[in-house]
Amino acid sequence: MIYSYLLTYRNSYVIIKLKGVIEMMAVNYTQFRDHMKAHMDRIVEDYEPLVVTRKENKNVIVLSEDMYNNLMENIHVLGNKENYRWLMESKQQLETGKGRMHELLEPDDE
């Protein structure tokens, strides 16, 4: 279960901290319903999810399609041991100065 607590108020939003790691904006269900377009625009434009609080702590998180797709890609890459190993090896190569610059090639137009 994810526990949240109030940190501060800011422009009718509440900033909450989840499990002491992630900070997110939050609004209650009524505010979200009454200003849905504005909230959805903010979610997309700021690339930041929004917690919609509900009774009995049955909250939901709203995020943009781009953010969702990014999360799914990260889960895929990091969930596969071989992909994760390759990614960490590549990261280590860059950090130790073993990376190389390459010019990107444009695909041939057909």
C-alpha atoms as a PDB file:
ATOM      1  CA  MET A   1       0.000   0.000   0.000  1.00  0.00           C
ATOM      2  CA  ILE A   2       1.243   3.487  -0.822  1.00  0.00           C
ATOM      3  CA  TYR A   3       0.940   6.003   1.978  1.00  0.00           C
ATOM      4  CA  SER A   4       0.843   9.701   1.280  1.00  0.00           C
ATOM      5  CA  TYR A   5       0.923  12.836   3.371  1.00  0.00           C
ATOM      6  CA  LEU A   6       0.412  16.522   2.854  1.00  0.00           C
ATOM      7  CA  LEU A   7       3.518  18.612   2.214  1.00  0.00           C
ATOM      8  CA  THR A   8       2.238  22.028   1.144  1.00  0.00           C
ATOM      9  CA  TYR A   9      -0.507  23.885  -0.724  1.00  0.00           C
ATOM     10  CA  ARG A  10       0.169  25.549  -4.086  1.00  0.00           C
ATOM     11  CA  ASN A  11      -2.490  27.014  -6.418  1.00  0.00           C
ATOM     12  CA  SER A  12      -5.271  24.715  -5.140  1.00  0.00           C
ATOM     13  CA  TYR A  13      -3.030  21.722  -5.717  1.00  0.00           C
ATOM     14  CA  VAL A  14      -1.538  19.697  -2.942  1.00  0.00           C
ATOM     15  CA  ILE A  15       1.943  18.248  -3.227  1.00  0.00           C
ATOM     16  CA  ILE A  16       2.145  14.786  -1.730  1.00  0.00           C
ATOM     17  CA  LYS A  17       5.065  12.477  -1.218  1.00  0.00           C
ATOM     18  CA  LEU A  18       4.623   8.773  -1.944  1.00  0.00           C
ATOM     19  CA  LYS A  19       6.696   6.333   0.113  1.00  0.00           C
ATOM     20  CA  GLY A  20       9.116   9.173   0.817  1.00  0.00           C
ATOM     21  CA  VAL A  21      10.474   9.128  -2.736  1.00  0.00           C
ATOM     22  CA  ILE A  22       8.169  10.599  -5.379  1.00  0.00           C
ATOM     23  CA  GLU A  23       6.451  13.968  -5.121  1.00  0.00           C
ATOM     24  CA  MET A  24       3.249  14.476  -7.127  1.00  0.00           C
ATOM     25  CA  MET A  25       0.566  17.098  -7.478  1.00  0.00           C
ATOM     26  CA  ALA A  26      -2.844  16.094  -6.111  1.00  0.00           C
ATOM     27  CA  VAL A  27      -6.417  17.357  -6.295  1.00  0.00           C
ATOM     28  CA  ASN A  28      -9.610  15.952  -4.893  1.00  0.00           C
ATOM     29  CA  TYR A  29     -12.152  14.267  -7.137  1.00  0.00           C
ATOM     30  CA  THR A  30     -14.545  17.236  -7.172  1.00  0.00           C
ATOM     31  CA  GLN A  31     -11.819  19.690  -8.230  1.00  0.00           C
ATOM     32  CA  PHE A  32     -10.675  17.279 -10.938  1.00  0.00           C
ATOM     33  CA  ARG A  33     -14.213  16.777 -12.274  1.00  0.00           C
ATOM     34  CA  ASP A  34     -15.022  20.496 -12.221  1.00  0.00           C
ATOM     35  CA  HIS A  35     -11.815  21.491 -14.042  1.00  0.00           C
ATOM     36  CA  MET A  36     -11.015  18.323 -15.988  1.00  0.00           C
ATOM     37  CA  LYS A  37      -9.769  20.012 -19.189  1.00  0.00           C
ATOM     38  CA  ALA A  38      -7.405  22.314 -17.307  1.00  0.00           C
ATOM     39  CA  HIS A  39      -6.051  19.418 -15.264  1.00  0.00           C
ATOM     40  CA  MET A  40      -5.553  17.216 -18.328  1.00  0.00           C
ATOM     41  CA  ASP A  41      -3.837  20.066 -20.202  1.00  0.00           C
ATOM     42  CA  ARG A  42      -1.486  20.556 -17.255  1.00  0.00           C
ATOM     43  CA  ILE A  43      -0.720  16.825 -17.073  1.00  0.00           C
ATOM     44  CA  VAL A  44       0.217  16.736 -20.754  1.00  0.00           C
ATOM     45  CA  GLU A  45       2.064  20.076 -20.901  1.00  0.00           C
ATOM     46  CA  ASP A  46       4.044  19.632 -17.680  1.00  0.00           C
ATOM     47  CA  TYR A  47       4.669  15.918 -18.285  1.00  0.00           C
ATOM     48  CA  GLU A  48       3.707  15.333 -14.674  1.00  0.00           C
ATOM     49  CA  PRO A  49       1.146  12.861 -13.304  1.00  0.00           C
ATOM     50  CA  LEU A  50      -1.683  13.984 -11.043  1.00  0.00           C
ATOM     51  CA  VAL A  51      -3.105  12.157  -8.037  1.00  0.00           C
ATOM     52  CA  VAL A  52      -6.880  12.393  -7.804  1.00  0.00           C
ATOM     53  CA  THR A  53      -7.809  11.783  -4.193  1.00  0.00           C
ATOM     54  CA  ARG A  54     -10.985   9.919  -3.311  1.00  0.00           C
ATOM     55  CA  LYS A  55     -12.744   8.730  -0.180  1.00  0.00           C
ATOM     56  CA  GLU A  56     -11.268   5.833   1.767  1.00  0.00           C
ATOM     57  CA  ASN A  57      -7.872   6.421   0.118  1.00  0.00           C
ATOM     58  CA  LYS A  58      -9.059   4.900  -3.190  1.00  0.00           C
ATOM     59  CA  ASN A  59      -6.953   7.380  -5.146  1.00  0.00           C
ATOM     60  CA  VAL A  60      -6.112   7.234  -8.833  1.00  0.00           C
ATOM     61  CA  ILE A  61      -3.173   8.616 -10.774  1.00  0.00           C
ATOM     62  CA  VAL A  62      -3.749  10.335 -14.115  1.00  0.00           C
ATOM     63  CA  LEU A  63      -0.843  10.578 -16.539  1.00  0.00           C
ATOM     64  CA  SER A  64      -0.331  11.493 -20.167  1.00  0.00           C
ATOM     65  CA  GLU A  65      -0.166   8.886 -22.905  1.00  0.00           C
ATOM     66  CA  ASP A  66       3.480   9.829 -23.540  1.00  0.00           C
ATOM     67  CA  MET A  67       4.355   9.274 -19.891  1.00  0.00           C
ATOM     68  CA  TYR A  68       2.489   5.951 -19.863  1.00  0.00           C
ATOM     69  CA  ASN A  69       4.321   4.778 -22.996  1.00  0.00           C
ATOM     70  CA  ASN A  70       7.645   5.832 -21.464  1.00  0.00           C
ATOM     71  CA  LEU A  71       6.880   3.877 -18.285  1.00  0.00           C
ATOM     72  CA  MET A  72       5.944   0.767 -20.287  1.00  0.00           C
ATOM     73  CA  GLU A  73       9.158   1.029 -22.304  1.00  0.00           C
ATOM     74  CA  ASN A  74      11.213   1.378 -19.123  1.00  0.00           C
ATOM     75  CA  ILE A  75       9.485  -1.634 -17.592  1.00  0.00           C
ATOM     76  CA  HIS A  76      10.262  -3.645 -20.717  1.00  0.00           C
ATOM     77  CA  VAL A  77      13.907  -2.584 -20.900  1.00  0.00           C
ATOM     78  CA  LEU A  78      14.624  -2.886 -17.191  1.00  0.00           C
ATOM     79  CA  GLY A  79      12.481  -6.006 -16.749  1.00  0.00           C
ATOM     80  CA  ASN A  80      14.557  -8.037 -19.200  1.00  0.00           C
ATOM     81  CA  LYS A  81      17.859  -9.127 -17.623  1.00  0.00           C
ATOM     82  CA  GLU A  82      19.745  -9.095 -20.918  1.00  0.00           C
ATOM     83  CA  ASN A  83      18.487  -5.604 -21.851  1.00  0.00           C
ATOM     84  CA  TYR A  84      19.298  -4.329 -18.373  1.00  0.00           C
ATOM     85  CA  ARG A  85      22.818  -5.818 -18.472  1.00  0.00           C
ATOM     86  CA  TRP A  86      23.455  -4.263 -21.894  1.00  0.00           C
ATOM     87  CA  LEU A  87      22.163  -0.890 -20.717  1.00  0.00           C
ATOM     88  CA  MET A  88      24.341  -0.901 -17.573  1.00  0.00           C
ATOM     89  CA  GLU A  89      27.391  -1.984 -19.603  1.00  0.00           C
ATOM     90  CA  SER A  90      26.780   0.869 -22.050  1.00  0.00           C
ATOM     91  CA  LYS A  91      26.351   3.334 -19.188  1.00  0.00           C
ATOM     92  CA  GLN A  92      29.636   2.201 -17.636  1.00  0.00           C
ATOM     93  CA  GLN A  93      31.419   2.604 -20.972  1.00  0.00           C
ATOM     94  CA  LEU A  94      30.167   6.187 -21.264  1.00  0.00           C
ATOM     95  CA  GLU A  95      31.113   7.007 -17.676  1.00  0.00           C
ATOM     96  CA  THR A  96      34.647   5.678 -18.166  1.00  0.00           C
ATOM     97  CA  GLY A  97      35.188   7.638 -21.381  1.00  0.00           C
ATOM     98  CA  LYS A  98      34.882   4.666 -23.718  1.00  0.00           C
ATOM     99  CA  GLY A  99      31.937   6.130 -25.629  1.00  0.00           C
ATOM    100  CA  ARG A 100      32.318   7.201 -29.256  1.00  0.00           C
ATOM    101  CA  MET A 101      30.552   9.866 -31.288  1.00  0.00           C
ATOM    102  CA  HIS A 102      28.957   8.793 -34.556  1.00  0.00           C
ATOM    103  CA  GLU A 103      27.232  10.820 -37.213  1.00  0.00           C
ATOM    104  CA  LEU A 104      23.615   9.805 -37.635  1.00  0.00           C
ATOM    105  CA  LEU A 105      22.728   8.486 -41.054  1.00  0.00           C
ATOM    106  CA  GLU A 106      19.508   9.534 -42.716  1.00  0.00           C
ATOM    107  CA  PRO A 107      17.465   6.715 -44.265  1.00  0.00           C
ATOM    108  CA  ASP A 108      17.351   6.681 -48.054  1.00  0.00           C
ATOM    109  CA  ASP A 109      14.151   8.163 -49.476  1.00  0.00           C
ATOM    110  CA  GLU A 110      12.463   5.718 -51.797  1.00  0.00           C
END
